[in-house]
């Protein structure tokens, strides 16, 4: 008997199902990876928007006479 068959016999209905990260946390490893992927993407979008806002306020704003609002 092969290792996969032994594992299937030992696990029964649980065979092939994803295991949670921790027994007390009902989140699977693939769900955690998806969460990390989305949060990383959102972080980079936020950083990009912050840079665009900073460039607008720092360089473009004074050209339009907005410097009195910043001081």
PDB file of N, CA and C in Angstrom:
ATOM      1  N   UNK A   1       0.840  -1.166   0.000  1.00  0.00           N
ATOM      2  CA  UNK A   1       0.000   0.000   0.000  1.00  0.00           C
ATOM      3  C   UNK A   1       0.895   1.242   0.000  1.00  0.00           C
ATOM      4  N   UNK A   2       0.535   2.241  -0.792  1.00  0.00           N
ATOM      5  CA  UNK A   2       1.326   3.453  -0.886  1.00  0.00           C
ATOM      6  C   UNK A   2       1.035   4.427   0.244  1.00  0.00           C
ATOM      7  N   UNK A   3       1.886   5.428   0.327  1.00  0.00           N
ATOM      8  CA  UNK A   3       1.755   6.421   1.398  1.00  0.00           C
ATOM      9  C   UNK A   3       0.440   7.195   1.293  1.00  0.00           C
ATOM     10  N   UNK A   4       0.025   7.540   0.085  1.00  0.00           N
ATOM     11  CA  UNK A   4      -1.230   8.285  -0.086  1.00  0.00           C
ATOM     12  C   UNK A   4      -2.422   7.451   0.373  1.00  0.00           C
ATOM     13  N   UNK A   5      -2.407   6.168   0.087  1.00  0.00           N
ATOM     14  CA  UNK A   5      -3.511   5.314   0.526  1.00  0.00           C
ATOM     15  C   UNK A   5      -3.521   5.182   2.044  1.00  0.00           C
ATOM     16  N   UNK A   6      -2.359   5.090   2.659  1.00  0.00           N
ATOM     17  CA  UNK A   6      -2.290   5.024   4.123  1.00  0.00           C
ATOM     18  C   UNK A   6      -2.834   6.316   4.742  1.00  0.00           C
ATOM     19  N   UNK A   7      -2.435   7.439   4.156  1.00  0.00           N
ATOM     20  CA  UNK A   7      -2.900   8.721   4.663  1.00  0.00           C
ATOM     21  C   UNK A   7      -4.413   8.848   4.512  1.00  0.00           C
ATOM     22  N   UNK A   8      -4.938   8.427   3.358  1.00  0.00           N
ATOM     23  CA  UNK A   8      -6.382   8.485   3.118  1.00  0.00           C
ATOM     24  C   UNK A   8      -7.123   7.612   4.120  1.00  0.00           C
ATOM     25  N   UNK A   9      -6.598   6.437   4.395  1.00  0.00           N
ATOM     26  CA  UNK A   9      -7.239   5.540   5.359  1.00  0.00           C
ATOM     27  C   UNK A   9      -7.177   6.124   6.769  1.00  0.00           C
ATOM     28  N   UNK A  10      -6.079   6.778   7.104  1.00  0.00           N
ATOM     29  CA  UNK A  10      -5.927   7.329   8.448  1.00  0.00           C
ATOM     30  C   UNK A  10      -6.799   8.572   8.656  1.00  0.00           C
ATOM     31  N   UNK A  11      -6.895   9.427   7.633  1.00  0.00           N
ATOM     32  CA  UNK A  11      -7.640  10.678   7.777  1.00  0.00           C
ATOM     33  C   UNK A  11      -9.136  10.516   7.537  1.00  0.00           C
ATOM     34  N   UNK A  12      -9.521   9.572   6.750  1.00  0.00           N
ATOM     35  CA  UNK A  12     -10.939   9.349   6.471  1.00  0.00           C
ATOM     36  C   UNK A  12     -11.551  10.492   5.695  1.00  0.00           C
ATOM     37  N   UNK A  13     -12.597  11.116   6.249  1.00  0.00           N
ATOM     38  CA  UNK A  13     -13.304  12.205   5.558  1.00  0.00           C
ATOM     39  C   UNK A  13     -12.477  13.480   5.455  1.00  0.00           C
ATOM     40  N   UNK A  14     -11.494  13.636   6.293  1.00  0.00           N
ATOM     41  CA  UNK A  14     -10.674  14.847   6.296  1.00  0.00           C
ATOM     42  C   UNK A  14      -9.613  14.838   5.192  1.00  0.00           C
ATOM     43  N   UNK A  15      -9.446  13.729   4.488  1.00  0.00           N
ATOM     44  CA  UNK A  15      -8.414  13.621   3.459  1.00  0.00           C
ATOM     45  C   UNK A  15      -8.712  14.586   2.310  1.00  0.00           C
ATOM     46  N   UNK A  16      -7.739  15.366   1.933  1.00  0.00           N
ATOM     47  CA  UNK A  16      -7.867  16.308   0.823  1.00  0.00           C
ATOM     48  C   UNK A  16      -8.401  17.666   1.210  1.00  0.00           C
ATOM     49  N   UNK A  17      -8.868  17.821   2.440  1.00  0.00           N
ATOM     50  CA  UNK A  17      -9.360  19.119   2.890  1.00  0.00           C
ATOM     51  C   UNK A  17      -8.199  19.927   3.445  1.00  0.00           C
ATOM     52  N   UNK A  18      -8.298  21.236   3.257  1.00  0.00           N
ATOM     53  CA  UNK A  18      -7.234  22.108   3.763  1.00  0.00           C
ATOM     54  C   UNK A  18      -7.283  22.183   5.281  1.00  0.00           C
ATOM     55  N   UNK A  19      -6.130  22.253   5.868  1.00  0.00           N
ATOM     56  CA  UNK A  19      -6.012  22.374   7.312  1.00  0.00           C
ATOM     57  C   UNK A  19      -5.997  23.853   7.693  1.00  0.00           C
ATOM     58  N   UNK A  20      -6.582  24.207   8.827  1.00  0.00           N
ATOM     59  CA  UNK A  20      -6.510  25.605   9.278  1.00  0.00           C
ATOM     60  C   UNK A  20      -5.090  25.956   9.720  1.00  0.00           C
ATOM     61  N   UNK A  21      -4.808  27.254   9.775  1.00  0.00           N
ATOM     62  CA  UNK A  21      -3.491  27.722  10.203  1.00  0.00           C
ATOM     63  C   UNK A  21      -3.222  27.290  11.633  1.00  0.00           C
ATOM     64  N   UNK A  22      -4.182  27.495  12.492  1.00  0.00           N
ATOM     65  CA  UNK A  22      -4.095  27.086  13.894  1.00  0.00           C
ATOM     66  C   UNK A  22      -5.420  26.430  14.268  1.00  0.00           C
ATOM     67  N   UNK A  23      -5.417  25.523  15.212  1.00  0.00           N
ATOM     68  CA  UNK A  23      -6.668  24.856  15.578  1.00  0.00           C
ATOM     69  C   UNK A  23      -7.755  25.820  16.076  1.00  0.00           C
ATOM     70  N   UNK A  24      -7.366  26.919  16.702  1.00  0.00           N
ATOM     71  CA  UNK A  24      -8.328  27.873  17.230  1.00  0.00           C
ATOM     72  C   UNK A  24      -8.699  28.966  16.231  1.00  0.00           C
ATOM     73  N   UNK A  25      -8.079  28.974  15.038  1.00  0.00           N
ATOM     74  CA  UNK A  25      -8.322  30.001  14.023  1.00  0.00           C
ATOM     75  C   UNK A  25      -8.939  29.356  12.784  1.00  0.00           C
ATOM     76  N   UNK A  26     -10.188  29.687  12.452  1.00  0.00           N
ATOM     77  CA  UNK A  26     -10.850  29.012  11.330  1.00  0.00           C
ATOM     78  C   UNK A  26     -10.491  29.591   9.959  1.00  0.00           C
ATOM     79  N   UNK A  27      -9.210  29.801   9.709  1.00  0.00           N
ATOM     80  CA  UNK A  27      -8.752  30.335   8.426  1.00  0.00           C
ATOM     81  C   UNK A  27      -7.765  29.341   7.834  1.00  0.00           C
ATOM     82  N   UNK A  28      -7.980  28.982   6.563  1.00  0.00           N
ATOM     83  CA  UNK A  28      -7.080  28.031   5.919  1.00  0.00           C
ATOM     84  C   UNK A  28      -5.854  28.758   5.369  1.00  0.00           C
ATOM     85  N   UNK A  29      -4.868  27.995   4.970  1.00  0.00           N
ATOM     86  CA  UNK A  29      -3.631  28.583   4.456  1.00  0.00           C
ATOM     87  C   UNK A  29      -3.867  29.334   3.153  1.00  0.00           C
ATOM     88  N   UNK A  30      -4.724  28.821   2.282  1.00  0.00           N
ATOM     89  CA  UNK A  30      -4.984  29.527   1.022  1.00  0.00           C
ATOM     90  C   UNK A  30      -5.747  30.827   1.267  1.00  0.00           C
ATOM     91  N   UNK A  31      -6.649  30.842   2.253  1.00  0.00           N
ATOM     92  CA  UNK A  31      -7.343  32.086   2.585  1.00  0.00           C
ATOM     93  C   UNK A  31      -6.368  33.119   3.139  1.00  0.00           C
ATOM     94  N   UNK A  32      -5.409  32.679   3.927  1.00  0.00           N
ATOM     95  CA  UNK A  32      -4.403  33.596   4.461  1.00  0.00           C
ATOM     96  C   UNK A  32      -3.535  34.153   3.341  1.00  0.00           C
ATOM     97  N   UNK A  33      -3.180  33.317   2.371  1.00  0.00           N
ATOM     98  CA  UNK A  33      -2.375  33.796   1.243  1.00  0.00           C
ATOM     99  C   UNK A  33      -3.157  34.810   0.415  1.00  0.00           C
ATOM    100  N   UNK A  34      -4.445  34.557   0.195  1.00  0.00           N
ATOM    101  CA  UNK A  34      -5.276  35.507  -0.550  1.00  0.00           C
ATOM    102  C   UNK A  34      -5.378  36.832   0.195  1.00  0.00           C
ATOM    103  N   UNK A  35      -5.559  36.776   1.514  1.00  0.00           N
ATOM    104  CA  UNK A  35      -5.623  37.991   2.328  1.00  0.00           C
ATOM    105  C   UNK A  35      -4.319  38.779   2.224  1.00  0.00           C
ATOM    106  N   UNK A  36      -3.198  38.098   2.311  1.00  0.00           N
ATOM    107  CA  UNK A  36      -1.901  38.773   2.209  1.00  0.00           C
ATOM    108  C   UNK A  36      -1.705  39.401   0.829  1.00  0.00           C
ATOM    109  N   UNK A  37      -2.143  38.699  -0.216  1.00  0.00           N
ATOM    110  CA  UNK A  37      -2.011  39.243  -1.566  1.00  0.00           C
ATOM    111  C   UNK A  37      -2.817  40.523  -1.710  1.00  0.00           C
ATOM    112  N   UNK A  38      -4.075  40.539  -1.227  1.00  0.00           N
ATOM    113  CA  UNK A  38      -4.925  41.729  -1.331  1.00  0.00           C
ATOM    114  C   UNK A  38      -4.415  42.875  -0.475  1.00  0.00           C
ATOM    115  N   UNK A  39      -3.965  42.581   0.737  1.00  0.00           N
ATOM    116  CA  UNK A  39      -3.482  43.664   1.596  1.00  0.00           C
ATOM    117  C   UNK A  39      -2.180  44.254   1.068  1.00  0.00           C
ATOM    118  N   UNK A  40      -1.322  43.430   0.484  1.00  0.00           N
ATOM    119  CA  UNK A  40      -0.085  43.947  -0.101  1.00  0.00           C
ATOM    120  C   UNK A  40      -0.401  44.842  -1.294  1.00  0.00           C
ATOM    121  N   UNK A  41      -1.323  44.418  -2.125  1.00  0.00           N
ATOM    122  CA  UNK A  41      -1.719  45.237  -3.279  1.00  0.00           C
ATOM    123  C   UNK A  41      -2.332  46.557  -2.815  1.00  0.00           C
ATOM    124  N   UNK A  42      -3.188  46.502  -1.806  1.00  0.00           N
ATOM    125  CA  UNK A  42      -3.801  47.717  -1.277  1.00  0.00           C
ATOM    126  C   UNK A  42      -2.788  48.663  -0.666  1.00  0.00           C
ATOM    127  N   UNK A  43      -1.776  48.101  -0.009  1.00  0.00           N
ATOM    128  CA  UNK A  43      -0.717  48.927   0.571  1.00  0.00           C
ATOM    129  C   UNK A  43       0.043  49.669  -0.510  1.00  0.00           C
ATOM    130  N   UNK A  44       0.402  48.983  -1.583  1.00  0.00           N
ATOM    131  CA  UNK A  44       1.136  49.643  -2.662  1.00  0.00           C
ATOM    132  C   UNK A  44       0.290  50.708  -3.355  1.00  0.00           C
ATOM    133  N   UNK A  45      -1.011  50.452  -3.490  1.00  0.00           N
ATOM    134  CA  UNK A  45      -1.892  51.469  -4.076  1.00  0.00           C
ATOM    135  C   UNK A  45      -1.941  52.690  -3.165  1.00  0.00           C
ATOM    136  N   UNK A  46      -2.031  52.470  -1.859  1.00  0.00           N
ATOM    137  CA  UNK A  46      -2.035  53.583  -0.908  1.00  0.00           C
ATOM    138  C   UNK A  46      -0.750  54.383  -0.941  1.00  0.00           C
ATOM    139  N   UNK A  47       0.382  53.696  -1.053  1.00  0.00           N
ATOM    140  CA  UNK A  47       1.669  54.389  -1.142  1.00  0.00           C
ATOM    141  C   UNK A  47       1.729  55.233  -2.417  1.00  0.00           C
ATOM    142  N   UNK A  48       1.258  54.670  -3.522  1.00  0.00           N
ATOM    143  CA  UNK A  48       1.244  55.418  -4.783  1.00  0.00           C
ATOM    144  C   UNK A  48       0.366  56.655  -4.702  1.00  0.00           C
ATOM    145  N   UNK A  49      -0.823  56.512  -4.099  1.00  0.00           N
ATOM    146  CA  UNK A  49      -1.712  57.666  -3.953  1.00  0.00           C
ATOM    147  C   UNK A  49      -1.113  58.726  -3.037  1.00  0.00           C
ATOM    148  N   UNK A  50      -0.421  58.295  -1.996  1.00  0.00           N
ATOM    149  CA  UNK A  50       0.219  59.245  -1.089  1.00  0.00           C
ATOM    150  C   UNK A  50       1.320  60.021  -1.818  1.00  0.00           C
ATOM    151  N   UNK A  51       2.077  59.365  -2.672  1.00  0.00           N
ATOM    152  CA  UNK A  51       3.136  60.044  -3.439  1.00  0.00           C
ATOM    153  C   UNK A  51       2.530  61.051  -4.403  1.00  0.00           C
ATOM    154  N   UNK A  52       1.450  60.651  -5.078  1.00  0.00           N
ATOM    155  CA  UNK A  52       0.785  61.577  -6.011  1.00  0.00           C
ATOM    156  C   UNK A  52       0.239  62.786  -5.260  1.00  0.00           C
ATOM    157  N   UNK A  53      -0.367  62.574  -4.109  1.00  0.00           N
ATOM    158  CA  UNK A  53      -0.874  63.685  -3.307  1.00  0.00           C
ATOM    159  C   UNK A  53       0.257  64.588  -2.839  1.00  0.00           C
ATOM    160  N   UNK A  54       1.356  63.995  -2.407  1.00  0.00           N
ATOM    161  CA  UNK A  54       2.488  64.792  -1.946  1.00  0.00           C
ATOM    162  C   UNK A  54       3.062  65.637  -3.083  1.00  0.00           C
ATOM    163  N   UNK A  55       3.211  65.037  -4.263  1.00  0.00           N
ATOM    164  CA  UNK A  55       3.730  65.789  -5.415  1.00  0.00           C
ATOM    165  C   UNK A  55       2.780  66.932  -5.765  1.00  0.00           C
ATOM    166  N   UNK A  56       1.487  66.659  -5.719  1.00  0.00           N
ATOM    167  CA  UNK A  56       0.507  67.705  -6.028  1.00  0.00           C
ATOM    168  C   UNK A  56       0.607  68.861  -5.041  1.00  0.00           C
ATOM    169  N   UNK A  57       0.645  68.550  -3.772  1.00  0.00           N
ATOM    170  CA  UNK A  57       0.694  69.615  -2.761  1.00  0.00           C
ATOM    171  C   UNK A  57       2.039  70.326  -2.767  1.00  0.00           C
ATOM    172  N   UNK A  58       3.116  69.590  -2.932  1.00  0.00           N
ATOM    173  CA  UNK A  58       4.464  70.163  -2.813  1.00  0.00           C
ATOM    174  C   UNK A  58       4.877  70.967  -4.037  1.00  0.00           C
ATOM    175  N   UNK A  59       4.601  70.467  -5.227  1.00  0.00           N
ATOM    176  CA  UNK A  59       5.122  71.116  -6.441  1.00  0.00           C
ATOM    177  C   UNK A  59       4.053  71.787  -7.285  1.00  0.00           C
ATOM    178  N   UNK A  60       2.932  71.165  -7.490  1.00  0.00           N
ATOM    179  CA  UNK A  60       1.911  71.725  -8.373  1.00  0.00           C
ATOM    180  C   UNK A  60       1.101  72.801  -7.644  1.00  0.00           C
ATOM    181  N   UNK A  61       0.785  72.568  -6.376  1.00  0.00           N
ATOM    182  CA  UNK A  61      -0.014  73.517  -5.601  1.00  0.00           C
ATOM    183  C   UNK A  61       0.555  74.919  -5.548  1.00  0.00           C
ATOM    184  N   UNK A  62       1.839  75.097  -5.218  1.00  0.00           N
ATOM    185  CA  UNK A  62       2.394  76.451  -5.177  1.00  0.00           C
ATOM    186  C   UNK A  62       2.356  77.160  -6.527  1.00  0.00           C
ATOM    187  N   UNK A  63       2.391  76.412  -7.602  1.00  0.00           N
ATOM    188  CA  UNK A  63       2.310  77.029  -8.932  1.00  0.00           C
ATOM    189  C   UNK A  63       0.960  77.666  -9.192  1.00  0.00           C
ATOM    190  N   UNK A  64      -0.076  77.185  -8.530  1.00  0.00           N
ATOM    191  CA  UNK A  64      -1.409  77.748  -8.673  1.00  0.00           C
ATOM    192  C   UNK A  64      -1.726  78.775  -7.600  1.00  0.00           C
ATOM    193  N   UNK A  65      -0.753  79.058  -6.733  1.00  0.00           N
ATOM    194  CA  UNK A  65      -0.971  80.040  -5.686  1.00  0.00           C
ATOM    195  C   UNK A  65      -1.612  79.446  -4.446  1.00  0.00           C
ATOM    196  N   UNK A  66      -1.530  78.129  -4.278  1.00  0.00           N
ATOM    197  CA  UNK A  66      -2.115  77.488  -3.112  1.00  0.00           C
ATOM    198  C   UNK A  66      -1.188  77.534  -1.910  1.00  0.00           C
ATOM    199  N   UNK A  67      -0.051  78.192  -2.023  1.00  0.00           N
ATOM    200  CA  UNK A  67       0.916  78.185  -0.931  1.00  0.00           C
ATOM    201  C   UNK A  67       0.366  78.868   0.306  1.00  0.00           C
ATOM    202  N   UNK A  68      -0.605  79.770   0.134  1.00  0.00           N
ATOM    203  CA  UNK A  68      -1.155  80.463   1.301  1.00  0.00           C
ATOM    204  C   UNK A  68      -2.017  79.507   2.125  1.00  0.00           C
ATOM    205  N   UNK A  69      -2.560  78.472   1.517  1.00  0.00           N
ATOM    206  CA  UNK A  69      -3.354  77.498   2.260  1.00  0.00           C
ATOM    207  C   UNK A  69      -2.479  76.575   3.084  1.00  0.00           C
ATOM    208  N   UNK A  70      -1.236  76.354   2.634  1.00  0.00           N
ATOM    209  CA  UNK A  70      -0.346  75.409   3.320  1.00  0.00           C
ATOM    210  C   UNK A  70       0.361  76.105   4.481  1.00  0.00           C
ATOM    211  N   UNK A  71       0.733  77.340   4.330  1.00  0.00           N
ATOM    212  CA  UNK A  71       1.475  78.056   5.388  1.00  0.00           C
ATOM    213  C   UNK A  71       0.618  78.375   6.513  1.00  0.00           C
TER     214      UNK A  71
END
